[in-house]
Amino acid sequence: MKVRLKAFAEARVKLVEELKSKGIYDMNVLEAFRNIPRHIFVPDVLIFDSYKNVALPIGYGQTISQPFTVAFMTQELEIESHHKVLEIGTGSGFQTAILAFLSKSVYTVEIIEIFSQNAQQAHQRLDISNIFYKVNDGVLGWDSMGRFDRIIYTAALFEHPEKLYDQLVNDGIMIYPFINSDASQNLCKVVKRDGKVLKKMISPCNFVLSV
């Protein structure tokens, strides 16, 4: 077991260096990747693929996103330690853990109950205590918790999630994958200023469809 853990520690360091080489510059995001073990969020049969820069299947047609994609989206959110974050799509729980490392609190919504349960177990193993969970249709957000400083949607959408814009604070940021008319995808970054929503496509991407 000690050899395995050492190998994973070395793999995390190599992954961080690869992320840096691909343009991830936020030192807090990189530190999160050094500290959050991705291997506990993947199926056992794929554990030795955990630190490859690829998406991996987790069941129900869903994936744990490519590490670079997780890092890039997190970097674009510009998270600060006092922020309250809403995540739509808990999935494996890895992105959730990264967000929790960086922020004050994370509220995560997942429509597939077993994913939420598995993620909670993984987070408990890591003694992460600033995550709150809900099993529901994520497109509705979590309006009973007030407004959020940051919102991330982790599945591709055919329509812009305008209902979620209302759950952003002023100067809040949201990021999500959007499906274009030609079926290609782009990450859309939303900034809310003075009650107005500013949208910008920032990068091509490839996500599974929203359930």
N, C-alpha and C. Protein backbone atom coordinates (compact mmCIF):
# COMPACT_ATOMS: atom_id res chain seq x y z
N MET A 1 0.83 -1.21 0.00
CA MET A 1 0.00 0.00 0.00
C MET A 1 0.87 1.26 0.00
N LYS A 2 1.97 1.28 0.75
CA LYS A 2 2.84 2.44 0.80
C LYS A 2 3.43 2.75 -0.59
N VAL A 3 3.80 1.69 -1.31
CA VAL A 3 4.34 1.89 -2.66
C VAL A 3 3.28 2.49 -3.57
N ARG A 4 2.04 1.98 -3.45
CA ARG A 4 0.95 2.51 -4.28
C ARG A 4 0.71 3.98 -3.99
N LEU A 5 0.67 4.35 -2.72
CA LEU A 5 0.42 5.74 -2.36
C LEU A 5 1.55 6.64 -2.84
N LYS A 6 2.78 6.16 -2.73
CA LYS A 6 3.91 6.95 -3.21
C LYS A 6 3.81 7.16 -4.72
N ALA A 7 3.41 6.10 -5.43
CA ALA A 7 3.25 6.22 -6.88
C ALA A 7 2.19 7.25 -7.22
N PHE A 8 1.10 7.26 -6.46
CA PHE A 8 0.05 8.23 -6.72
C PHE A 8 0.51 9.65 -6.41
N ALA A 9 1.31 9.79 -5.36
CA ALA A 9 1.83 11.12 -5.03
C ALA A 9 2.71 11.64 -6.15
N GLU A 10 3.54 10.79 -6.68
CA GLU A 10 4.40 11.17 -7.80
C GLU A 10 3.56 11.49 -9.03
N ALA A 11 2.50 10.72 -9.22
CA ALA A 11 1.62 10.94 -10.37
C ALA A 11 0.93 12.28 -10.27
N ARG A 12 0.55 12.68 -9.05
CA ARG A 12 -0.09 13.99 -8.87
C ARG A 12 0.88 15.12 -9.22
N VAL A 13 2.12 14.97 -8.81
CA VAL A 13 3.12 15.99 -9.13
C VAL A 13 3.29 16.11 -10.65
N LYS A 14 3.37 14.98 -11.32
CA LYS A 14 3.52 14.98 -12.78
C LYS A 14 2.31 15.61 -13.45
N LEU A 15 1.11 15.31 -12.93
CA LEU A 15 -0.10 15.89 -13.50
C LEU A 15 -0.09 17.41 -13.35
N VAL A 16 0.31 17.89 -12.17
CA VAL A 16 0.37 19.34 -11.95
C VAL A 16 1.34 19.99 -12.92
N GLU A 17 2.47 19.37 -13.14
CA GLU A 17 3.44 19.92 -14.09
C GLU A 17 2.86 19.94 -15.51
N GLU A 18 2.11 18.91 -15.86
CA GLU A 18 1.47 18.89 -17.18
C GLU A 18 0.44 19.99 -17.31
N LEU A 19 -0.34 20.20 -16.25
CA LEU A 19 -1.34 21.27 -16.28
C LEU A 19 -0.67 22.64 -16.44
N LYS A 20 0.45 22.84 -15.74
CA LYS A 20 1.20 24.09 -15.88
C LYS A 20 1.69 24.28 -17.31
N SER A 21 2.17 23.21 -17.91
CA SER A 21 2.68 23.30 -19.29
C SER A 21 1.58 23.61 -20.29
N LYS A 22 0.33 23.30 -19.93
CA LYS A 22 -0.80 23.53 -20.82
C LYS A 22 -1.49 24.87 -20.54
N GLY A 23 -0.95 25.65 -19.62
CA GLY A 23 -1.47 27.00 -19.43
C GLY A 23 -2.21 27.26 -18.14
N ILE A 24 -2.25 26.31 -17.24
CA ILE A 24 -2.88 26.56 -15.93
C ILE A 24 -1.85 27.28 -15.06
N TYR A 25 -2.17 28.50 -14.70
CA TYR A 25 -1.22 29.36 -13.98
C TYR A 25 -1.66 29.71 -12.56
N ASP A 26 -2.93 29.50 -12.24
CA ASP A 26 -3.44 29.86 -10.91
C ASP A 26 -2.83 28.92 -9.87
N MET A 27 -2.00 29.45 -9.00
CA MET A 27 -1.26 28.63 -8.05
C MET A 27 -2.19 27.94 -7.05
N ASN A 28 -3.32 28.57 -6.74
CA ASN A 28 -4.28 27.94 -5.82
C ASN A 28 -4.93 26.72 -6.46
N VAL A 29 -5.26 26.84 -7.75
CA VAL A 29 -5.83 25.70 -8.47
C VAL A 29 -4.82 24.55 -8.53
N LEU A 30 -3.58 24.87 -8.84
CA LEU A 30 -2.55 23.84 -8.90
C LEU A 30 -2.34 23.19 -7.54
N GLU A 31 -2.41 23.98 -6.48
CA GLU A 31 -2.27 23.43 -5.13
C GLU A 31 -3.41 22.49 -4.80
N ALA A 32 -4.61 22.82 -5.27
CA ALA A 32 -5.75 21.93 -5.07
C ALA A 32 -5.51 20.58 -5.74
N PHE A 33 -4.95 20.60 -6.95
CA PHE A 33 -4.65 19.36 -7.65
C PHE A 33 -3.55 18.56 -6.96
N ARG A 34 -2.64 19.24 -6.28
CA ARG A 34 -1.60 18.54 -5.53
C ARG A 34 -2.20 17.83 -4.31
N ASN A 35 -3.27 18.37 -3.78
CA ASN A 35 -3.80 17.89 -2.51
C ASN A 35 -5.00 16.96 -2.62
N ILE A 36 -5.75 17.04 -3.71
CA ILE A 36 -6.95 16.22 -3.85
C ILE A 36 -6.63 14.98 -4.68
N PRO A 37 -6.70 13.79 -4.09
CA PRO A 37 -6.34 12.56 -4.81
C PRO A 37 -7.45 12.11 -5.77
N ARG A 38 -7.22 12.25 -7.05
CA ARG A 38 -8.24 11.90 -8.05
C ARG A 38 -8.56 10.42 -8.05
N HIS A 39 -7.62 9.58 -7.61
CA HIS A 39 -7.84 8.14 -7.73
C HIS A 39 -8.98 7.62 -6.86
N ILE A 40 -9.37 8.34 -5.82
CA ILE A 40 -10.48 7.83 -5.00
C ILE A 40 -11.84 8.17 -5.61
N PHE A 41 -11.84 8.92 -6.70
CA PHE A 41 -13.09 9.30 -7.35
C PHE A 41 -13.37 8.51 -8.62
N VAL A 42 -12.49 7.59 -8.98
CA VAL A 42 -12.69 6.81 -10.20
C VAL A 42 -13.00 5.36 -9.84
N PRO A 43 -13.64 4.61 -10.74
CA PRO A 43 -13.88 3.18 -10.47
C PRO A 43 -12.57 2.44 -10.22
N ASP A 44 -12.61 1.44 -9.38
CA ASP A 44 -11.39 0.70 -9.00
C ASP A 44 -10.64 0.16 -10.21
N VAL A 45 -11.36 -0.28 -11.23
CA VAL A 45 -10.70 -0.88 -12.40
C VAL A 45 -9.90 0.15 -13.20
N LEU A 46 -10.15 1.42 -12.94
CA LEU A 46 -9.44 2.49 -13.67
C LEU A 46 -8.47 3.25 -12.79
N ILE A 47 -8.20 2.73 -11.61
CA ILE A 47 -7.43 3.50 -10.62
C ILE A 47 -6.04 3.90 -11.14
N PHE A 48 -5.43 3.05 -11.97
CA PHE A 48 -4.08 3.37 -12.44
C PHE A 48 -4.10 4.32 -13.65
N ASP A 49 -5.30 4.70 -14.07
CA ASP A 49 -5.45 5.72 -15.11
C ASP A 49 -5.83 7.07 -14.49
N SER A 50 -5.90 7.12 -13.16
CA SER A 50 -6.45 8.29 -12.46
C SER A 50 -5.76 9.59 -12.81
N TYR A 51 -4.44 9.55 -13.01
CA TYR A 51 -3.69 10.79 -13.20
C TYR A 51 -3.27 11.03 -14.64
N LYS A 52 -3.88 10.28 -15.54
CA LYS A 52 -3.74 10.61 -16.96
C LYS A 52 -4.66 11.79 -17.26
N ASN A 53 -4.25 12.62 -18.18
CA ASN A 53 -5.04 13.82 -18.50
C ASN A 53 -6.15 13.47 -19.49
N VAL A 54 -7.05 12.58 -19.03
CA VAL A 54 -8.16 12.12 -19.87
C VAL A 54 -9.41 12.02 -19.01
N ALA A 55 -10.58 12.11 -19.67
CA ALA A 55 -11.84 11.82 -19.00
C ALA A 55 -11.97 10.31 -18.84
N LEU A 56 -12.64 9.86 -17.79
CA LEU A 56 -12.82 8.44 -17.52
C LEU A 56 -14.29 8.16 -17.22
N PRO A 57 -14.80 7.00 -17.67
CA PRO A 57 -16.21 6.67 -17.42
C PRO A 57 -16.46 6.35 -15.95
N ILE A 58 -17.62 6.78 -15.44
CA ILE A 58 -17.99 6.48 -14.06
C ILE A 58 -19.36 5.80 -13.98
N GLY A 59 -19.92 5.44 -15.15
CA GLY A 59 -21.22 4.78 -15.17
C GLY A 59 -22.34 5.70 -15.59
N TYR A 60 -23.48 5.11 -16.00
CA TYR A 60 -24.66 5.85 -16.41
C TYR A 60 -24.38 6.82 -17.56
N GLY A 61 -23.39 6.47 -18.38
CA GLY A 61 -23.05 7.32 -19.52
C GLY A 61 -22.35 8.61 -19.15
N GLN A 62 -21.89 8.72 -17.91
CA GLN A 62 -21.23 9.93 -17.43
C GLN A 62 -19.73 9.70 -17.26
N THR A 63 -18.98 10.79 -17.10
CA THR A 63 -17.53 10.70 -16.96
C THR A 63 -17.04 11.60 -15.83
N ILE A 64 -15.85 11.28 -15.33
CA ILE A 64 -15.08 12.24 -14.53
C ILE A 64 -14.26 13.02 -15.55
N SER A 65 -14.40 14.33 -15.54
CA SER A 65 -13.84 15.16 -16.60
C SER A 65 -12.32 15.10 -16.65
N GLN A 66 -11.78 15.40 -17.81
CA GLN A 66 -10.34 15.51 -18.01
C GLN A 66 -9.77 16.50 -17.00
N PRO A 67 -8.66 16.18 -16.34
CA PRO A 67 -8.08 17.10 -15.35
C PRO A 67 -7.86 18.52 -15.88
N PHE A 68 -7.37 18.66 -17.12
CA PHE A 68 -7.16 20.00 -17.64
C PHE A 68 -8.48 20.77 -17.70
N THR A 69 -9.55 20.10 -18.10
CA THR A 69 -10.85 20.76 -18.19
C THR A 69 -11.31 21.24 -16.82
N VAL A 70 -11.15 20.38 -15.81
CA VAL A 70 -11.50 20.76 -14.43
C VAL A 70 -10.67 21.96 -13.99
N ALA A 71 -9.37 21.90 -14.25
CA ALA A 71 -8.48 22.99 -13.84
C ALA A 71 -8.82 24.29 -14.57
N PHE A 72 -9.07 24.20 -15.86
CA PHE A 72 -9.36 25.41 -16.65
C PHE A 72 -10.65 26.06 -16.21
N MET A 73 -11.71 25.26 -16.05
CA MET A 73 -12.99 25.81 -15.61
C MET A 73 -12.86 26.44 -14.23
N THR A 74 -12.13 25.76 -13.35
CA THR A 74 -11.96 26.29 -12.00
C THR A 74 -11.17 27.59 -12.03
N GLN A 75 -10.14 27.63 -12.83
CA GLN A 75 -9.34 28.85 -12.96
C GLN A 75 -10.19 30.02 -13.47
N GLU A 76 -11.05 29.74 -14.44
CA GLU A 76 -11.90 30.79 -15.01
C GLU A 76 -12.95 31.29 -14.03
N LEU A 77 -13.27 30.49 -13.02
CA LEU A 77 -14.23 30.93 -12.01
C LEU A 77 -13.65 31.97 -11.06
N GLU A 78 -12.31 32.05 -10.98
CA GLU A 78 -11.65 33.06 -10.15
C GLU A 78 -12.15 32.99 -8.70
N ILE A 79 -12.10 31.79 -8.14
CA ILE A 79 -12.64 31.56 -6.80
C ILE A 79 -11.75 32.16 -5.72
N GLU A 80 -12.38 32.78 -4.74
CA GLU A 80 -11.70 33.28 -3.57
C GLU A 80 -12.19 32.54 -2.33
N SER A 81 -11.41 32.60 -1.27
CA SER A 81 -11.66 31.75 -0.10
C SER A 81 -12.97 32.04 0.62
N HIS A 82 -13.55 33.23 0.41
CA HIS A 82 -14.81 33.56 1.08
C HIS A 82 -16.03 33.25 0.23
N HIS A 83 -15.84 32.69 -0.95
CA HIS A 83 -16.95 32.49 -1.89
C HIS A 83 -17.84 31.30 -1.53
N LYS A 84 -19.11 31.47 -1.86
CA LYS A 84 -20.09 30.38 -1.80
C LYS A 84 -20.33 29.94 -3.25
N VAL A 85 -20.14 28.64 -3.50
CA VAL A 85 -20.15 28.12 -4.87
C VAL A 85 -21.31 27.14 -5.05
N LEU A 86 -21.99 27.24 -6.19
CA LEU A 86 -23.01 26.27 -6.58
C LEU A 86 -22.47 25.43 -7.72
N GLU A 87 -22.49 24.10 -7.55
CA GLU A 87 -22.09 23.19 -8.60
C GLU A 87 -23.30 22.40 -9.06
N ILE A 88 -23.57 22.41 -10.36
CA ILE A 88 -24.64 21.61 -10.93
C ILE A 88 -24.01 20.40 -11.60
N GLY A 89 -24.24 19.22 -11.02
CA GLY A 89 -23.65 17.99 -11.54
C GLY A 89 -22.51 17.53 -10.66
N THR A 90 -22.82 16.89 -9.54
CA THR A 90 -21.79 16.40 -8.62
C THR A 90 -20.91 15.36 -9.30
N GLY A 91 -21.54 14.46 -10.06
CA GLY A 91 -20.79 13.41 -10.76
C GLY A 91 -19.94 12.60 -9.81
N SER A 92 -18.66 12.45 -10.13
CA SER A 92 -17.74 11.68 -9.30
C SER A 92 -17.45 12.37 -7.96
N GLY A 93 -17.58 13.69 -7.94
CA GLY A 93 -17.26 14.46 -6.73
C GLY A 93 -15.86 15.06 -6.74
N PHE A 94 -15.08 14.78 -7.80
CA PHE A 94 -13.72 15.32 -7.84
C PHE A 94 -13.72 16.83 -8.03
N GLN A 95 -14.49 17.32 -9.02
CA GLN A 95 -14.58 18.77 -9.21
C GLN A 95 -15.10 19.43 -7.94
N THR A 96 -16.05 18.80 -7.28
CA THR A 96 -16.61 19.32 -6.03
C THR A 96 -15.51 19.52 -4.98
N ALA A 97 -14.65 18.51 -4.87
CA ALA A 97 -13.56 18.57 -3.88
C ALA A 97 -12.58 19.69 -4.20
N ILE A 98 -12.28 19.88 -5.48
CA ILE A 98 -11.40 20.97 -5.89
C ILE A 98 -12.02 22.32 -5.51
N LEU A 99 -13.31 22.47 -5.77
CA LEU A 99 -14.01 23.71 -5.42
C LEU A 99 -14.00 23.94 -3.92
N ALA A 100 -14.21 22.86 -3.16
CA ALA A 100 -14.25 22.98 -1.70
C ALA A 100 -12.89 23.38 -1.13
N PHE A 101 -11.81 22.92 -1.76
CA PHE A 101 -10.46 23.28 -1.34
C PHE A 101 -10.23 24.78 -1.46
N LEU A 102 -10.88 25.41 -2.44
CA LEU A 102 -10.62 26.80 -2.77
C LEU A 102 -11.60 27.79 -2.15
N SER A 103 -12.79 27.34 -1.77
CA SER A 103 -13.86 28.25 -1.38
C SER A 103 -14.30 28.06 0.07
N LYS A 104 -15.22 28.90 0.50
CA LYS A 104 -15.77 28.77 1.86
C LYS A 104 -16.75 27.61 1.93
N SER A 105 -17.61 27.48 0.90
CA SER A 105 -18.61 26.42 0.90
C SER A 105 -19.04 26.09 -0.52
N VAL A 106 -19.44 24.82 -0.72
CA VAL A 106 -19.91 24.35 -2.02
C VAL A 106 -21.26 23.68 -1.84
N TYR A 107 -22.22 24.09 -2.64
CA TYR A 107 -23.54 23.47 -2.68
C TYR A 107 -23.64 22.73 -4.01
N THR A 108 -23.75 21.42 -3.95
CA THR A 108 -23.67 20.62 -5.17
C THR A 108 -24.96 19.83 -5.38
N VAL A 109 -25.46 19.88 -6.61
CA VAL A 109 -26.73 19.25 -6.97
C VAL A 109 -26.48 18.16 -8.00
N GLU A 110 -27.05 16.98 -7.78
CA GLU A 110 -26.88 15.85 -8.68
C GLU A 110 -28.21 15.12 -8.86
N ILE A 111 -28.55 14.80 -10.10
CA ILE A 111 -29.83 14.14 -10.37
C ILE A 111 -29.76 12.63 -10.17
N ILE A 112 -28.56 12.03 -10.28
CA ILE A 112 -28.38 10.59 -10.11
C ILE A 112 -27.96 10.33 -8.66
N GLU A 113 -28.84 9.73 -7.89
CA GLU A 113 -28.64 9.63 -6.44
C GLU A 113 -27.38 8.87 -6.06
N ILE A 114 -27.06 7.79 -6.77
CA ILE A 114 -25.88 6.99 -6.42
C ILE A 114 -24.59 7.80 -6.57
N PHE A 115 -24.56 8.71 -7.54
CA PHE A 115 -23.40 9.59 -7.69
C PHE A 115 -23.23 10.47 -6.46
N SER A 116 -24.33 11.04 -6.01
CA SER A 116 -24.28 11.91 -4.83
C SER A 116 -23.81 11.12 -3.61
N GLN A 117 -24.31 9.91 -3.45
CA GLN A 117 -23.92 9.08 -2.32
C GLN A 117 -22.43 8.72 -2.37
N ASN A 118 -21.97 8.30 -3.55
CA ASN A 118 -20.56 7.94 -3.70
C ASN A 118 -19.64 9.13 -3.45
N ALA A 119 -20.05 10.30 -3.96
CA ALA A 119 -19.24 11.50 -3.77
C ALA A 119 -19.15 11.85 -2.28
N GLN A 120 -20.27 11.74 -1.58
CA GLN A 120 -20.26 12.03 -0.15
C GLN A 120 -19.29 11.12 0.60
N GLN A 121 -19.29 9.84 0.24
CA GLN A 121 -18.38 8.91 0.88
C GLN A 121 -16.91 9.26 0.62
N ALA A 122 -16.62 9.65 -0.63
CA ALA A 122 -15.25 10.04 -0.98
C ALA A 122 -14.84 11.29 -0.21
N HIS A 123 -15.73 12.26 -0.11
CA HIS A 123 -15.42 13.50 0.60
C HIS A 123 -15.22 13.25 2.09
N GLN A 124 -15.99 12.31 2.64
CA GLN A 124 -15.83 11.96 4.05
C GLN A 124 -14.45 11.34 4.29
N ARG A 125 -13.99 10.52 3.34
CA ARG A 125 -12.66 9.92 3.46
C ARG A 125 -11.57 11.00 3.51
N LEU A 126 -11.83 12.12 2.86
CA LEU A 126 -10.86 13.21 2.81
C LEU A 126 -11.10 14.26 3.90
N ASP A 127 -12.10 14.00 4.76
CA ASP A 127 -12.44 14.93 5.86
C ASP A 127 -12.81 16.32 5.34
N ILE A 128 -13.49 16.36 4.20
CA ILE A 128 -13.97 17.63 3.67
C ILE A 128 -15.35 17.90 4.26
N SER A 129 -15.51 19.05 4.90
CA SER A 129 -16.75 19.31 5.65
C SER A 129 -17.51 20.54 5.17
N ASN A 130 -17.08 21.18 4.10
CA ASN A 130 -17.75 22.40 3.65
C ASN A 130 -18.55 22.19 2.36
N ILE A 131 -19.04 20.96 2.17
CA ILE A 131 -19.85 20.64 0.99
C ILE A 131 -21.25 20.25 1.45
N PHE A 132 -22.26 20.76 0.74
CA PHE A 132 -23.66 20.46 1.03
C PHE A 132 -24.29 19.84 -0.23
N TYR A 133 -25.10 18.80 -0.05
CA TYR A 133 -25.53 17.98 -1.17
C TYR A 133 -27.05 18.02 -1.35
N LYS A 134 -27.45 17.91 -2.61
CA LYS A 134 -28.87 17.83 -2.92
C LYS A 134 -29.06 16.94 -4.15
N VAL A 135 -30.05 16.05 -4.11
CA VAL A 135 -30.40 15.23 -5.26
C VAL A 135 -31.63 15.85 -5.90
N ASN A 136 -31.43 16.39 -7.11
CA ASN A 136 -32.53 17.11 -7.77
C ASN A 136 -32.11 17.42 -9.20
N ASP A 137 -33.02 17.96 -9.98
CA ASP A 137 -32.71 18.43 -11.33
C ASP A 137 -31.91 19.72 -11.20
N GLY A 138 -30.67 19.69 -11.65
CA GLY A 138 -29.77 20.82 -11.46
C GLY A 138 -30.18 22.09 -12.16
N VAL A 139 -30.98 21.99 -13.22
CA VAL A 139 -31.34 23.19 -13.96
C VAL A 139 -32.12 24.17 -13.08
N LEU A 140 -32.66 23.66 -11.97
CA LEU A 140 -33.40 24.52 -11.05
C LEU A 140 -32.49 25.22 -10.07
N GLY A 141 -31.24 24.79 -10.02
CA GLY A 141 -30.30 25.40 -9.08
C GLY A 141 -30.64 25.03 -7.65
N TRP A 142 -30.41 25.98 -6.73
CA TRP A 142 -30.69 25.77 -5.30
C TRP A 142 -31.07 27.12 -4.70
N ASP A 143 -32.22 27.64 -5.15
CA ASP A 143 -32.57 29.02 -4.81
C ASP A 143 -32.88 29.23 -3.33
N SER A 144 -33.21 28.17 -2.59
CA SER A 144 -33.49 28.33 -1.17
C SER A 144 -32.24 28.68 -0.38
N MET A 145 -31.06 28.52 -0.98
CA MET A 145 -29.80 28.84 -0.32
C MET A 145 -29.32 30.26 -0.65
N GLY A 146 -30.18 31.05 -1.28
CA GLY A 146 -29.80 32.42 -1.61
C GLY A 146 -28.95 32.48 -2.86
N ARG A 147 -28.22 33.57 -3.01
CA ARG A 147 -27.39 33.74 -4.21
C ARG A 147 -25.96 33.25 -3.97
N PHE A 148 -25.31 32.95 -5.09
CA PHE A 148 -23.98 32.36 -5.04
C PHE A 148 -22.95 33.27 -5.71
N ASP A 149 -21.74 33.23 -5.19
CA ASP A 149 -20.66 34.01 -5.79
C ASP A 149 -20.20 33.39 -7.11
N ARG A 150 -20.24 32.08 -7.18
CA ARG A 150 -19.79 31.36 -8.37
C ARG A 150 -20.73 30.18 -8.63
N ILE A 151 -20.98 29.91 -9.91
CA ILE A 151 -21.79 28.75 -10.31
C ILE A 151 -21.06 28.02 -11.43
N ILE A 152 -21.00 26.69 -11.34
CA ILE A 152 -20.41 25.87 -12.39
C ILE A 152 -21.39 24.78 -12.78
N TYR A 153 -21.58 24.59 -14.06
CA TYR A 153 -22.46 23.55 -14.60
C TYR A 153 -21.57 22.59 -15.36
N THR A 154 -21.65 21.30 -15.03
CA THR A 154 -20.66 20.37 -15.55
C THR A 154 -21.22 19.38 -16.58
N ALA A 155 -22.29 19.77 -17.28
CA ALA A 155 -22.81 18.97 -18.39
C ALA A 155 -23.27 19.92 -19.48
N ALA A 156 -23.22 19.45 -20.73
CA ALA A 156 -23.48 20.33 -21.87
C ALA A 156 -24.97 20.68 -21.99
N LEU A 157 -25.24 21.94 -22.30
CA LEU A 157 -26.60 22.46 -22.37
C LEU A 157 -26.94 22.95 -23.77
N PHE A 158 -28.17 22.67 -24.20
CA PHE A 158 -28.66 23.16 -25.49
C PHE A 158 -29.17 24.59 -25.39
N GLU A 159 -29.52 25.01 -24.16
CA GLU A 159 -30.04 26.36 -23.94
C GLU A 159 -29.26 27.00 -22.80
N HIS A 160 -29.12 28.30 -22.86
CA HIS A 160 -28.45 29.02 -21.77
C HIS A 160 -29.33 28.96 -20.52
N PRO A 161 -28.75 28.62 -19.36
CA PRO A 161 -29.52 28.41 -18.12
C PRO A 161 -29.88 29.73 -17.43
N GLU A 162 -30.78 30.46 -18.04
CA GLU A 162 -31.08 31.82 -17.58
C GLU A 162 -31.63 31.86 -16.15
N LYS A 163 -32.34 30.79 -15.74
CA LYS A 163 -32.86 30.76 -14.38
C LYS A 163 -31.74 30.80 -13.35
N LEU A 164 -30.60 30.22 -13.72
CA LEU A 164 -29.47 30.21 -12.79
C LEU A 164 -28.79 31.56 -12.69
N TYR A 165 -28.91 32.39 -13.72
CA TYR A 165 -28.31 33.72 -13.65
C TYR A 165 -28.86 34.49 -12.46
N ASP A 166 -30.15 34.26 -12.16
CA ASP A 166 -30.79 34.97 -11.04
C ASP A 166 -30.20 34.56 -9.70
N GLN A 167 -29.53 33.40 -9.66
CA GLN A 167 -28.95 32.92 -8.41
C GLN A 167 -27.50 33.38 -8.22
N LEU A 168 -27.02 34.19 -9.15
CA LEU A 168 -25.68 34.78 -9.03
C LEU A 168 -25.75 36.11 -8.30
N VAL A 169 -24.77 36.39 -7.45
CA VAL A 169 -24.64 37.71 -6.85
C VAL A 169 -24.16 38.69 -7.93
N ASN A 170 -24.26 39.98 -7.63
CA ASN A 170 -23.66 40.96 -8.51
C ASN A 170 -22.14 40.76 -8.50
N ASP A 171 -21.54 40.84 -9.66
CA ASP A 171 -20.12 40.53 -9.87
C ASP A 171 -19.82 39.03 -9.77
N GLY A 172 -20.87 38.21 -9.76
CA GLY A 172 -20.69 36.77 -9.75
C GLY A 172 -20.29 36.24 -11.12
N ILE A 173 -19.73 35.03 -11.12
CA ILE A 173 -19.26 34.38 -12.35
C ILE A 173 -19.88 32.99 -12.44
N MET A 174 -20.29 32.64 -13.65
CA MET A 174 -20.79 31.29 -13.92
C MET A 174 -20.10 30.75 -15.17
N ILE A 175 -19.86 29.44 -15.18
CA ILE A 175 -19.26 28.82 -16.36
C ILE A 175 -19.98 27.51 -16.65
N TYR A 176 -20.21 27.23 -17.94
CA TYR A 176 -20.91 26.00 -18.33
C TYR A 176 -20.62 25.68 -19.79
N PRO A 177 -20.73 24.38 -20.16
CA PRO A 177 -20.56 23.99 -21.57
C PRO A 177 -21.86 24.22 -22.33
N PHE A 178 -21.75 24.84 -23.49
CA PHE A 178 -22.93 25.16 -24.31
C PHE A 178 -22.80 24.49 -25.68
N ILE A 179 -23.90 23.90 -26.14
CA ILE A 179 -23.93 23.21 -27.42
C ILE A 179 -24.36 24.18 -28.51
N ASN A 180 -23.50 24.41 -29.49
CA ASN A 180 -23.80 25.32 -30.59
C ASN A 180 -24.73 24.67 -31.61
N SER A 181 -25.21 25.48 -32.53
CA SER A 181 -26.15 24.99 -33.55
C SER A 181 -25.53 23.92 -34.45
N ASP A 182 -24.20 23.92 -34.57
CA ASP A 182 -23.53 22.91 -35.40
C ASP A 182 -23.10 21.68 -34.58
N ALA A 183 -23.61 21.59 -33.34
CA ALA A 183 -23.35 20.48 -32.42
C ALA A 183 -21.97 20.54 -31.76
N SER A 184 -21.14 21.52 -32.10
CA SER A 184 -19.89 21.72 -31.38
C SER A 184 -20.19 22.32 -30.01
N GLN A 185 -19.21 22.29 -29.13
CA GLN A 185 -19.41 22.82 -27.78
C GLN A 185 -18.36 23.88 -27.44
N ASN A 186 -18.80 24.84 -26.66
CA ASN A 186 -17.88 25.86 -26.13
C ASN A 186 -18.19 26.11 -24.67
N LEU A 187 -17.15 26.40 -23.90
CA LEU A 187 -17.38 26.85 -22.54
C LEU A 187 -17.86 28.30 -22.58
N CYS A 188 -18.96 28.55 -21.89
CA CYS A 188 -19.50 29.90 -21.82
C CYS A 188 -19.24 30.46 -20.43
N LYS A 189 -18.64 31.63 -20.38
CA LYS A 189 -18.39 32.31 -19.11
C LYS A 189 -19.33 33.49 -18.98
N VAL A 190 -20.05 33.51 -17.88
CA VAL A 190 -21.02 34.57 -17.60
C VAL A 190 -20.52 35.42 -16.44
N VAL A 191 -20.56 36.72 -16.62
CA VAL A 191 -20.25 37.66 -15.53
C VAL A 191 -21.46 38.55 -15.35
N LYS A 192 -21.91 38.69 -14.11
CA LYS A 192 -23.08 39.50 -13.81
C LYS A 192 -22.63 40.83 -13.21
N ARG A 193 -22.93 41.91 -13.91
CA ARG A 193 -22.51 43.23 -13.44
C ARG A 193 -23.68 44.20 -13.53
N ASP A 194 -23.95 44.86 -12.41
CA ASP A 194 -25.03 45.84 -12.34
C ASP A 194 -26.34 45.26 -12.86
N GLY A 195 -26.58 43.99 -12.51
CA GLY A 195 -27.82 43.34 -12.90
C GLY A 195 -27.85 42.85 -14.33
N LYS A 196 -26.79 43.13 -15.09
CA LYS A 196 -26.73 42.69 -16.48
C LYS A 196 -25.83 41.46 -16.61
N VAL A 197 -26.20 40.58 -17.53
CA VAL A 197 -25.46 39.35 -17.74
C VAL A 197 -24.63 39.47 -19.01
N LEU A 198 -23.32 39.30 -18.85
CA LEU A 198 -22.40 39.36 -19.98
C LEU A 198 -21.90 37.95 -20.26
N LYS A 199 -22.11 37.47 -21.49
CA LYS A 199 -21.71 36.11 -21.85
C LYS A 199 -20.57 36.14 -22.85
N LYS A 200 -19.63 35.20 -22.69
CA LYS A 200 -18.49 35.11 -23.59
C LYS A 200 -18.10 33.65 -23.76
N MET A 201 -17.95 33.20 -25.00
CA MET A 201 -17.45 31.86 -25.27
C MET A 201 -15.93 31.88 -25.16
N ILE A 202 -15.37 31.01 -24.32
CA ILE A 202 -13.94 31.12 -24.01
C ILE A 202 -13.08 29.97 -24.51
N SER A 203 -13.70 28.81 -24.80
CA SER A 203 -12.86 27.68 -25.22
C SER A 203 -13.73 26.55 -25.75
N PRO A 204 -13.28 25.85 -26.80
CA PRO A 204 -13.98 24.63 -27.21
C PRO A 204 -13.91 23.59 -26.10
N CYS A 205 -14.91 22.69 -26.06
CA CYS A 205 -14.92 21.66 -25.04
C CYS A 205 -15.72 20.46 -25.53
N ASN A 206 -15.74 19.43 -24.72
CA ASN A 206 -16.50 18.22 -25.08
C ASN A 206 -17.02 17.56 -23.83
N PHE A 207 -18.30 17.82 -23.49
CA PHE A 207 -18.92 17.29 -22.30
C PHE A 207 -20.04 16.34 -22.65
N VAL A 208 -20.35 15.45 -21.70
CA VAL A 208 -21.55 14.64 -21.84
C VAL A 208 -22.76 15.57 -21.72
N LEU A 209 -23.90 15.13 -22.28
CA LEU A 209 -25.09 15.94 -22.27
C LEU A 209 -25.69 15.98 -20.86
N SER A 210 -26.37 17.07 -20.56
CA SER A 210 -27.08 17.18 -19.30
C SER A 210 -28.18 16.13 -19.24
N VAL A 211 -28.28 15.43 -18.13
CA VAL A 211 -29.28 14.37 -17.99
C VAL A 211 -30.68 14.95 -17.91
